[in-house]
Amino acid sequence: MRYSLTKEVALFVLLVPKELAGFVQHLLEAQDNLCTYTTEPVTEETGTREIRLRAPVEWRSELRRWIEFVVAQHPTIALKDDRVIRDETT
């Protein structure tokens, strides 16, 4: 696996309206270990919650395909960031 050599992970950041945040988290849980996610508090100015998704870099295209499907179904959800980063947690 590439991760063990490079320590790279795919990072996606979604901006999700407050009223859809729980629904998106439920969808993520249903994906059964496709990625891990963390949430940031709702931004009062925009009423959105930032959800950060991390996955093995090998799964980047699969996770991107899932995100594109969800965004197509719910256009108020926006993809803010999509990149590969070095995992500094290990």
Protein backbone atom coordinates (compact mmCIF):
# COMPACT_ATOMS: atom_id res chain seq x y z
CA MET A 1 0.00 0.00 0.00
CA ARG A 2 1.26 3.43 -0.96
CA TYR A 3 0.44 4.91 2.46
CA SER A 4 3.05 2.79 4.22
CA LEU A 5 5.72 4.24 1.93
CA THR A 6 4.64 7.87 1.58
CA LYS A 7 2.25 8.54 4.49
CA GLU A 8 -0.04 10.34 2.03
CA VAL A 9 -3.81 10.53 2.49
CA ALA A 10 -6.62 12.02 0.44
CA LEU A 11 -8.27 15.00 2.11
CA PHE A 12 -11.66 16.35 1.08
CA VAL A 13 -13.42 19.21 2.82
CA LEU A 14 -17.17 19.62 2.39
CA LEU A 15 -19.24 22.66 3.33
CA VAL A 16 -22.60 21.31 4.40
CA PRO A 17 -25.68 23.32 5.39
CA LYS A 18 -26.47 22.91 9.07
CA GLU A 19 -29.76 21.14 8.33
CA LEU A 20 -28.03 18.48 6.17
CA ALA A 21 -24.97 17.85 8.36
CA GLY A 22 -26.52 14.96 10.32
CA PHE A 23 -27.77 13.37 7.11
CA VAL A 24 -24.30 13.54 5.49
CA GLN A 25 -22.72 12.05 8.61
CA HIS A 26 -25.24 9.22 8.46
CA LEU A 27 -24.34 8.60 4.80
CA LEU A 28 -20.65 8.54 5.70
CA GLU A 29 -21.25 5.96 8.44
CA ALA A 30 -23.15 3.82 5.93
CA GLN A 31 -20.12 3.73 3.62
CA ASP A 32 -18.45 1.26 5.99
CA ASN A 33 -14.88 2.48 6.41
CA LEU A 34 -14.48 4.27 3.08
CA CYS A 35 -13.03 7.19 5.03
CA THR A 36 -12.78 8.83 8.41
CA TYR A 37 -14.30 12.24 9.04
CA THR A 38 -14.24 15.08 11.50
CA THR A 39 -16.61 18.00 11.79
CA GLU A 40 -16.09 21.63 12.65
CA PRO A 41 -18.71 23.79 14.40
CA VAL A 42 -21.36 25.51 12.31
CA THR A 43 -20.19 28.85 10.92
CA GLU A 44 -22.82 31.34 12.00
CA GLU A 45 -22.22 33.70 9.05
CA THR A 46 -22.89 31.00 6.44
CA GLY A 47 -24.86 28.44 8.43
CA THR A 48 -22.61 25.64 7.19
CA ARG A 49 -20.61 22.93 8.89
CA GLU A 50 -17.21 21.89 7.57
CA ILE A 51 -16.77 18.12 7.30
CA ARG A 52 -13.22 16.90 6.65
CA LEU A 53 -12.86 13.47 5.03
CA ARG A 54 -9.61 11.48 5.04
CA ALA A 55 -8.98 8.25 3.18
CA PRO A 56 -6.08 6.18 1.90
CA VAL A 57 -4.79 7.86 -1.24
CA GLU A 58 -5.60 4.69 -3.21
CA TRP A 59 -9.30 5.25 -2.47
CA ARG A 60 -9.28 8.88 -3.58
CA SER A 61 -11.14 8.32 -6.85
CA GLU A 62 -13.80 6.17 -5.16
CA LEU A 63 -14.39 8.77 -2.46
CA ARG A 64 -14.46 11.58 -5.04
CA ARG A 65 -17.09 9.64 -7.03
CA TRP A 66 -19.20 9.27 -3.86
CA ILE A 67 -18.86 12.99 -3.07
CA GLU A 68 -19.83 13.97 -6.62
CA PHE A 69 -22.95 11.80 -6.33
CA VAL A 70 -23.98 13.37 -3.00
CA VAL A 71 -23.33 16.92 -4.28
CA ALA A 72 -25.38 16.20 -7.41
CA GLN A 73 -28.30 15.10 -5.22
CA HIS A 74 -27.88 18.03 -2.78
CA PRO A 75 -26.46 21.08 -4.63
CA THR A 76 -26.25 23.12 -1.41
CA ILE A 77 -23.31 20.90 -0.36
CA ALA A 78 -20.00 22.24 -1.70
CA LEU A 79 -16.60 20.64 -2.11
CA LYS A 80 -14.18 23.17 -0.62
CA ASP A 81 -10.92 21.19 -0.85
CA ASP A 82 -9.65 18.08 -2.62
CA ARG A 83 -5.95 17.26 -2.27
CA VAL A 84 -3.38 14.76 -1.12
CA ILE A 85 -1.61 15.60 2.14
CA ARG A 86 1.11 14.02 4.23
CA ASP A 87 -0.27 12.32 7.34
CA GLU A 88 1.55 13.87 10.28
CA THR A 89 -0.34 11.91 12.95
CA THR A 90 2.00 8.90 12.91
